[in-house]
């Protein structure tokens, strides 16, 4: 049984021929719900020595468009701090961090065609 309450929305605001995403932060209940959904996911995006390259940003954006909730893993070669990488990737992709656990983190971005209804 899934209940649908008012979920965070994305608003597109014009800014010199480009758009900026404005999102509300996830509540504790929403983050807990997303962590439960993300537990069984396999990592879709892997970040290694190349760190946050344009290719990683493009693949993250494409994965978020398709899945809404993705798991990202930092490989052994990545020397950046996991929290910094998660924050930078979330900011650049317009996503929100649902969880950081070890070298893995979950990113959520609401899609136009919603697949996940947040509590």
N, C-alpha and C. Protein backbone atom coordinates (compact mmCIF):
# COMPACT_ATOMS: atom_id res chain seq x y z
N UNK A 1 0.84 -1.17 0.00
CA UNK A 1 0.00 0.00 0.00
C UNK A 1 0.89 1.24 0.00
N UNK A 2 0.77 2.07 -1.01
CA UNK A 2 1.55 3.29 -1.10
C UNK A 2 0.62 4.49 -0.96
N UNK A 3 0.98 5.37 -0.08
CA UNK A 3 0.21 6.59 0.07
C UNK A 3 0.97 7.71 -0.60
N UNK A 4 0.24 8.57 -1.24
CA UNK A 4 0.87 9.69 -1.92
C UNK A 4 0.50 10.99 -1.23
N UNK A 5 1.45 11.56 -0.58
CA UNK A 5 1.27 12.88 0.00
C UNK A 5 1.95 13.87 -0.92
N UNK A 6 1.87 15.11 -0.58
CA UNK A 6 2.51 16.11 -1.43
C UNK A 6 4.01 15.86 -1.44
N UNK A 7 4.56 15.64 -2.63
CA UNK A 7 5.98 15.33 -2.77
C UNK A 7 6.75 16.56 -3.20
N UNK A 8 8.09 16.55 -3.03
CA UNK A 8 8.89 17.67 -3.49
C UNK A 8 8.72 17.85 -4.99
N UNK A 9 8.73 19.09 -5.40
CA UNK A 9 8.54 19.37 -6.82
C UNK A 9 9.76 20.07 -7.37
N UNK A 10 9.93 19.91 -8.68
CA UNK A 10 10.98 20.61 -9.38
C UNK A 10 10.34 21.77 -10.11
N UNK A 11 10.88 22.93 -9.98
CA UNK A 11 10.38 24.09 -10.70
C UNK A 11 11.47 24.57 -11.63
N UNK A 12 11.08 24.81 -12.86
CA UNK A 12 12.04 25.30 -13.82
C UNK A 12 11.91 26.82 -13.89
N UNK A 13 12.96 27.51 -13.61
CA UNK A 13 12.97 28.96 -13.62
C UNK A 13 13.87 29.44 -14.75
N UNK A 14 13.39 30.36 -15.59
CA UNK A 14 14.24 30.84 -16.68
C UNK A 14 15.41 31.66 -16.14
N UNK A 15 16.57 31.47 -16.78
CA UNK A 15 17.76 32.21 -16.37
C UNK A 15 18.67 32.32 -17.58
N UNK A 16 18.57 33.41 -18.29
CA UNK A 16 19.43 33.66 -19.45
C UNK A 16 19.50 32.48 -20.40
N UNK A 17 18.36 32.04 -20.92
CA UNK A 17 18.25 30.96 -21.89
C UNK A 17 18.66 29.59 -21.33
N UNK A 18 18.89 29.47 -20.05
CA UNK A 18 19.17 28.18 -19.42
C UNK A 18 18.15 27.98 -18.32
N UNK A 19 18.10 26.78 -17.80
CA UNK A 19 17.16 26.51 -16.72
C UNK A 19 17.90 26.04 -15.49
N UNK A 20 17.33 26.33 -14.35
CA UNK A 20 17.91 25.93 -13.07
C UNK A 20 16.85 25.13 -12.33
N UNK A 21 17.25 24.04 -11.71
CA UNK A 21 16.31 23.23 -10.96
C UNK A 21 16.31 23.67 -9.50
N UNK A 22 15.12 23.90 -8.98
CA UNK A 22 14.95 24.25 -7.58
C UNK A 22 14.20 23.09 -6.93
N UNK A 23 14.79 22.46 -5.94
CA UNK A 23 14.17 21.31 -5.30
C UNK A 23 14.05 21.53 -3.80
N UNK A 24 13.05 20.90 -3.22
CA UNK A 24 12.91 20.90 -1.78
C UNK A 24 13.73 19.75 -1.23
N UNK A 25 14.22 19.90 -0.02
CA UNK A 25 15.01 18.83 0.61
C UNK A 25 14.11 17.66 0.97
N UNK A 26 14.69 16.48 0.98
CA UNK A 26 13.94 15.29 1.37
C UNK A 26 13.68 15.32 2.87
N UNK A 27 12.50 14.91 3.27
CA UNK A 27 12.22 14.79 4.70
C UNK A 27 12.83 13.47 5.18
N UNK A 28 12.90 13.29 6.48
CA UNK A 28 13.44 12.06 7.04
C UNK A 28 12.64 10.84 6.60
N UNK A 29 11.33 10.97 6.54
CA UNK A 29 10.46 9.87 6.15
C UNK A 29 10.69 9.50 4.68
N UNK A 30 10.86 10.51 3.84
CA UNK A 30 11.10 10.27 2.42
C UNK A 30 12.47 9.62 2.20
N UNK A 31 13.50 10.09 2.91
CA UNK A 31 14.83 9.52 2.78
C UNK A 31 14.83 8.06 3.24
N UNK A 32 14.12 7.76 4.32
CA UNK A 32 14.02 6.40 4.83
C UNK A 32 13.32 5.49 3.80
N UNK A 33 12.27 6.00 3.17
CA UNK A 33 11.55 5.26 2.15
C UNK A 33 12.46 4.96 0.96
N UNK A 34 13.23 5.95 0.52
CA UNK A 34 14.14 5.78 -0.61
C UNK A 34 15.29 4.82 -0.27
N UNK A 35 15.77 4.87 0.97
CA UNK A 35 16.82 3.94 1.39
C UNK A 35 16.32 2.49 1.30
N UNK A 36 15.06 2.29 1.66
CA UNK A 36 14.48 0.96 1.57
C UNK A 36 14.38 0.48 0.12
N UNK A 37 14.00 1.38 -0.78
CA UNK A 37 13.91 1.02 -2.19
C UNK A 37 15.30 0.79 -2.80
N UNK A 38 16.27 1.54 -2.34
CA UNK A 38 17.61 1.48 -2.92
C UNK A 38 18.47 0.37 -2.38
N UNK A 39 18.02 -0.30 -1.33
CA UNK A 39 18.83 -1.34 -0.70
C UNK A 39 19.23 -2.44 -1.69
N UNK A 40 18.31 -2.87 -2.53
CA UNK A 40 18.56 -3.99 -3.43
C UNK A 40 19.08 -3.57 -4.80
N UNK A 41 19.27 -2.27 -5.02
CA UNK A 41 19.77 -1.81 -6.32
C UNK A 41 21.25 -2.12 -6.48
N UNK A 42 21.65 -2.35 -7.70
CA UNK A 42 23.07 -2.48 -8.03
C UNK A 42 23.57 -1.11 -8.46
N UNK A 43 24.83 -0.80 -8.20
CA UNK A 43 25.36 0.50 -8.62
C UNK A 43 25.29 0.66 -10.14
N UNK A 44 24.79 1.79 -10.58
CA UNK A 44 24.67 2.08 -12.00
C UNK A 44 25.84 2.93 -12.46
N UNK A 45 26.26 3.86 -11.62
CA UNK A 45 27.37 4.76 -11.95
C UNK A 45 28.55 4.42 -11.05
N UNK A 46 29.71 4.28 -11.68
CA UNK A 46 30.95 4.00 -10.94
C UNK A 46 31.90 5.16 -11.13
N UNK A 47 32.47 5.63 -10.03
CA UNK A 47 33.42 6.75 -10.10
C UNK A 47 34.79 6.22 -9.68
N UNK A 48 35.76 6.37 -10.56
CA UNK A 48 37.10 5.86 -10.30
C UNK A 48 38.12 6.98 -10.29
N UNK A 49 39.26 6.72 -10.91
CA UNK A 49 40.34 7.70 -10.92
C UNK A 49 40.00 8.96 -11.68
N UNK A 50 39.15 8.85 -12.70
CA UNK A 50 38.77 10.01 -13.49
C UNK A 50 37.92 10.99 -12.69
N UNK A 51 37.46 10.54 -11.55
CA UNK A 51 36.64 11.33 -10.63
C UNK A 51 35.40 11.88 -11.33
N UNK A 52 35.06 13.15 -11.15
CA UNK A 52 33.81 13.68 -11.70
C UNK A 52 34.05 14.28 -13.08
N UNK A 53 34.12 13.45 -14.07
CA UNK A 53 34.33 13.90 -15.45
C UNK A 53 32.97 14.20 -16.08
N UNK A 54 33.02 14.77 -17.28
CA UNK A 54 31.79 15.05 -18.01
C UNK A 54 31.04 13.76 -18.33
N UNK A 55 31.78 12.69 -18.62
CA UNK A 55 31.15 11.40 -18.92
C UNK A 55 30.37 10.88 -17.71
N UNK A 56 30.93 11.04 -16.52
CA UNK A 56 30.24 10.60 -15.30
C UNK A 56 28.98 11.43 -15.09
N UNK A 57 29.07 12.73 -15.31
CA UNK A 57 27.91 13.60 -15.15
C UNK A 57 26.81 13.24 -16.16
N UNK A 58 27.20 12.98 -17.41
CA UNK A 58 26.23 12.60 -18.43
C UNK A 58 25.55 11.27 -18.09
N UNK A 59 26.34 10.28 -17.68
CA UNK A 59 25.75 8.98 -17.35
C UNK A 59 24.85 9.06 -16.12
N UNK A 60 25.22 9.90 -15.16
CA UNK A 60 24.38 10.10 -13.98
C UNK A 60 23.05 10.75 -14.36
N UNK A 61 23.12 11.76 -15.22
CA UNK A 61 21.91 12.45 -15.66
C UNK A 61 20.98 11.49 -16.42
N UNK A 62 21.56 10.70 -17.33
CA UNK A 62 20.76 9.74 -18.09
C UNK A 62 20.13 8.69 -17.18
N UNK A 63 20.90 8.20 -16.22
CA UNK A 63 20.39 7.19 -15.30
C UNK A 63 19.26 7.75 -14.44
N UNK A 64 19.39 8.99 -13.99
CA UNK A 64 18.34 9.61 -13.17
C UNK A 64 17.07 9.85 -13.99
N UNK A 65 17.22 10.16 -15.27
CA UNK A 65 16.05 10.35 -16.13
C UNK A 65 15.26 9.05 -16.26
N UNK A 66 15.98 7.94 -16.34
CA UNK A 66 15.33 6.65 -16.53
C UNK A 66 14.82 6.05 -15.22
N UNK A 67 15.63 6.11 -14.16
CA UNK A 67 15.33 5.37 -12.94
C UNK A 67 14.82 6.19 -11.76
N UNK A 68 15.06 7.47 -11.70
CA UNK A 68 14.74 8.36 -10.58
C UNK A 68 15.63 8.11 -9.35
N UNK A 69 15.87 6.87 -8.99
CA UNK A 69 16.70 6.53 -7.84
C UNK A 69 17.84 5.65 -8.32
N UNK A 70 19.07 6.10 -8.10
CA UNK A 70 20.23 5.33 -8.55
C UNK A 70 21.23 5.16 -7.42
N UNK A 71 22.02 4.10 -7.54
CA UNK A 71 23.09 3.85 -6.59
C UNK A 71 24.41 4.15 -7.29
N UNK A 72 25.27 4.90 -6.63
CA UNK A 72 26.57 5.29 -7.18
C UNK A 72 27.65 4.72 -6.26
N UNK A 73 28.69 4.15 -6.86
CA UNK A 73 29.78 3.56 -6.07
C UNK A 73 31.10 4.26 -6.41
N UNK A 74 31.86 4.53 -5.36
CA UNK A 74 33.23 5.05 -5.52
C UNK A 74 34.16 3.85 -5.54
N UNK A 75 34.95 3.74 -6.59
CA UNK A 75 35.88 2.63 -6.67
C UNK A 75 37.15 2.94 -5.89
N UNK A 76 37.99 1.95 -5.72
CA UNK A 76 39.20 2.07 -4.91
C UNK A 76 40.12 3.20 -5.37
N UNK A 77 40.17 3.49 -6.66
CA UNK A 77 41.08 4.50 -7.19
C UNK A 77 40.66 5.94 -6.91
N UNK A 78 39.42 6.15 -6.49
CA UNK A 78 38.93 7.51 -6.25
C UNK A 78 39.51 8.04 -4.94
N UNK A 79 40.20 9.16 -5.03
CA UNK A 79 40.86 9.72 -3.85
C UNK A 79 40.05 10.81 -3.16
N UNK A 80 38.92 11.21 -3.76
CA UNK A 80 38.10 12.25 -3.16
C UNK A 80 37.27 11.70 -1.99
N UNK A 81 36.87 12.59 -1.11
CA UNK A 81 36.01 12.22 0.02
C UNK A 81 34.62 11.85 -0.50
N UNK A 82 34.04 10.80 0.03
CA UNK A 82 32.75 10.31 -0.46
C UNK A 82 31.63 11.33 -0.29
N UNK A 83 31.67 12.08 0.81
CA UNK A 83 30.63 13.08 1.03
C UNK A 83 30.75 14.24 0.05
N UNK A 84 31.99 14.64 -0.26
CA UNK A 84 32.21 15.71 -1.22
C UNK A 84 31.75 15.29 -2.61
N UNK A 85 32.09 14.07 -3.00
CA UNK A 85 31.70 13.57 -4.32
C UNK A 85 30.17 13.50 -4.42
N UNK A 86 29.52 12.97 -3.40
CA UNK A 86 28.06 12.86 -3.40
C UNK A 86 27.41 14.24 -3.50
N UNK A 87 27.93 15.20 -2.73
CA UNK A 87 27.36 16.55 -2.76
C UNK A 87 27.57 17.21 -4.12
N UNK A 88 28.76 17.08 -4.70
CA UNK A 88 29.04 17.69 -6.00
C UNK A 88 28.19 17.05 -7.09
N UNK A 89 28.09 15.74 -7.09
CA UNK A 89 27.31 15.05 -8.11
C UNK A 89 25.82 15.37 -7.98
N UNK A 90 25.33 15.44 -6.76
CA UNK A 90 23.92 15.80 -6.54
C UNK A 90 23.65 17.22 -7.01
N UNK A 91 24.55 18.13 -6.69
CA UNK A 91 24.36 19.53 -7.09
C UNK A 91 24.38 19.68 -8.61
N UNK A 92 25.34 19.04 -9.26
CA UNK A 92 25.48 19.19 -10.71
C UNK A 92 24.38 18.47 -11.48
N UNK A 93 23.79 17.44 -10.91
CA UNK A 93 22.74 16.70 -11.60
C UNK A 93 21.34 17.13 -11.17
N UNK A 94 21.24 18.00 -10.18
CA UNK A 94 19.93 18.44 -9.71
C UNK A 94 19.23 17.37 -8.88
N UNK A 95 20.00 16.49 -8.28
CA UNK A 95 19.43 15.38 -7.49
C UNK A 95 19.58 15.66 -6.00
N UNK A 96 19.05 14.75 -5.21
CA UNK A 96 19.15 14.84 -3.76
C UNK A 96 19.79 13.55 -3.25
N UNK A 97 20.55 13.68 -2.20
CA UNK A 97 21.21 12.52 -1.60
C UNK A 97 20.24 11.86 -0.62
N UNK A 98 19.95 10.58 -0.87
CA UNK A 98 19.07 9.83 0.03
C UNK A 98 19.87 9.09 1.09
N UNK A 99 21.11 8.70 0.75
CA UNK A 99 21.92 7.94 1.70
C UNK A 99 23.38 7.94 1.25
N UNK A 100 24.28 7.98 2.23
CA UNK A 100 25.69 7.74 1.99
C UNK A 100 26.09 6.64 2.96
N UNK A 101 26.56 5.52 2.41
CA UNK A 101 26.93 4.38 3.23
C UNK A 101 28.19 3.76 2.66
N UNK A 102 29.27 3.90 3.39
CA UNK A 102 30.55 3.40 2.89
C UNK A 102 30.97 4.16 1.65
N UNK A 103 31.33 3.43 0.61
CA UNK A 103 31.72 4.06 -0.65
C UNK A 103 30.57 4.05 -1.65
N UNK A 104 29.36 3.94 -1.16
CA UNK A 104 28.17 3.90 -1.99
C UNK A 104 27.19 4.96 -1.51
N UNK A 105 26.51 5.60 -2.48
CA UNK A 105 25.46 6.54 -2.09
C UNK A 105 24.30 6.48 -3.06
N UNK A 106 23.12 6.88 -2.58
CA UNK A 106 21.90 6.90 -3.37
C UNK A 106 21.55 8.32 -3.75
N UNK A 107 21.22 8.51 -5.02
CA UNK A 107 20.76 9.81 -5.51
C UNK A 107 19.33 9.67 -6.01
N UNK A 108 18.50 10.68 -5.72
CA UNK A 108 17.11 10.69 -6.17
C UNK A 108 16.82 12.01 -6.87
N UNK A 109 16.17 11.88 -8.03
CA UNK A 109 15.67 13.07 -8.73
C UNK A 109 14.34 12.70 -9.35
N UNK A 110 13.33 13.47 -9.02
CA UNK A 110 11.98 13.21 -9.52
C UNK A 110 11.96 13.39 -11.04
N UNK A 111 11.37 12.44 -11.74
CA UNK A 111 11.27 12.50 -13.20
C UNK A 111 9.93 13.11 -13.61
N UNK A 112 9.84 13.46 -14.89
CA UNK A 112 8.56 13.99 -15.39
C UNK A 112 7.48 12.94 -15.28
N UNK A 113 7.81 11.69 -15.64
CA UNK A 113 6.88 10.58 -15.47
C UNK A 113 7.28 9.86 -14.18
N UNK A 114 6.59 10.17 -13.10
CA UNK A 114 6.96 9.64 -11.79
C UNK A 114 6.83 8.13 -11.73
N UNK A 115 7.87 7.48 -11.24
CA UNK A 115 7.83 6.04 -10.98
C UNK A 115 7.78 5.78 -9.49
N UNK A 116 8.31 6.72 -8.71
CA UNK A 116 8.35 6.58 -7.26
C UNK A 116 7.46 7.66 -6.65
N UNK A 117 6.51 7.24 -5.85
CA UNK A 117 5.65 8.20 -5.14
C UNK A 117 6.13 8.27 -3.71
N UNK A 118 6.66 9.43 -3.34
CA UNK A 118 7.21 9.60 -1.99
C UNK A 118 6.10 9.76 -0.96
N UNK A 119 6.35 9.26 0.26
CA UNK A 119 5.35 9.44 1.34
C UNK A 119 5.31 10.88 1.80
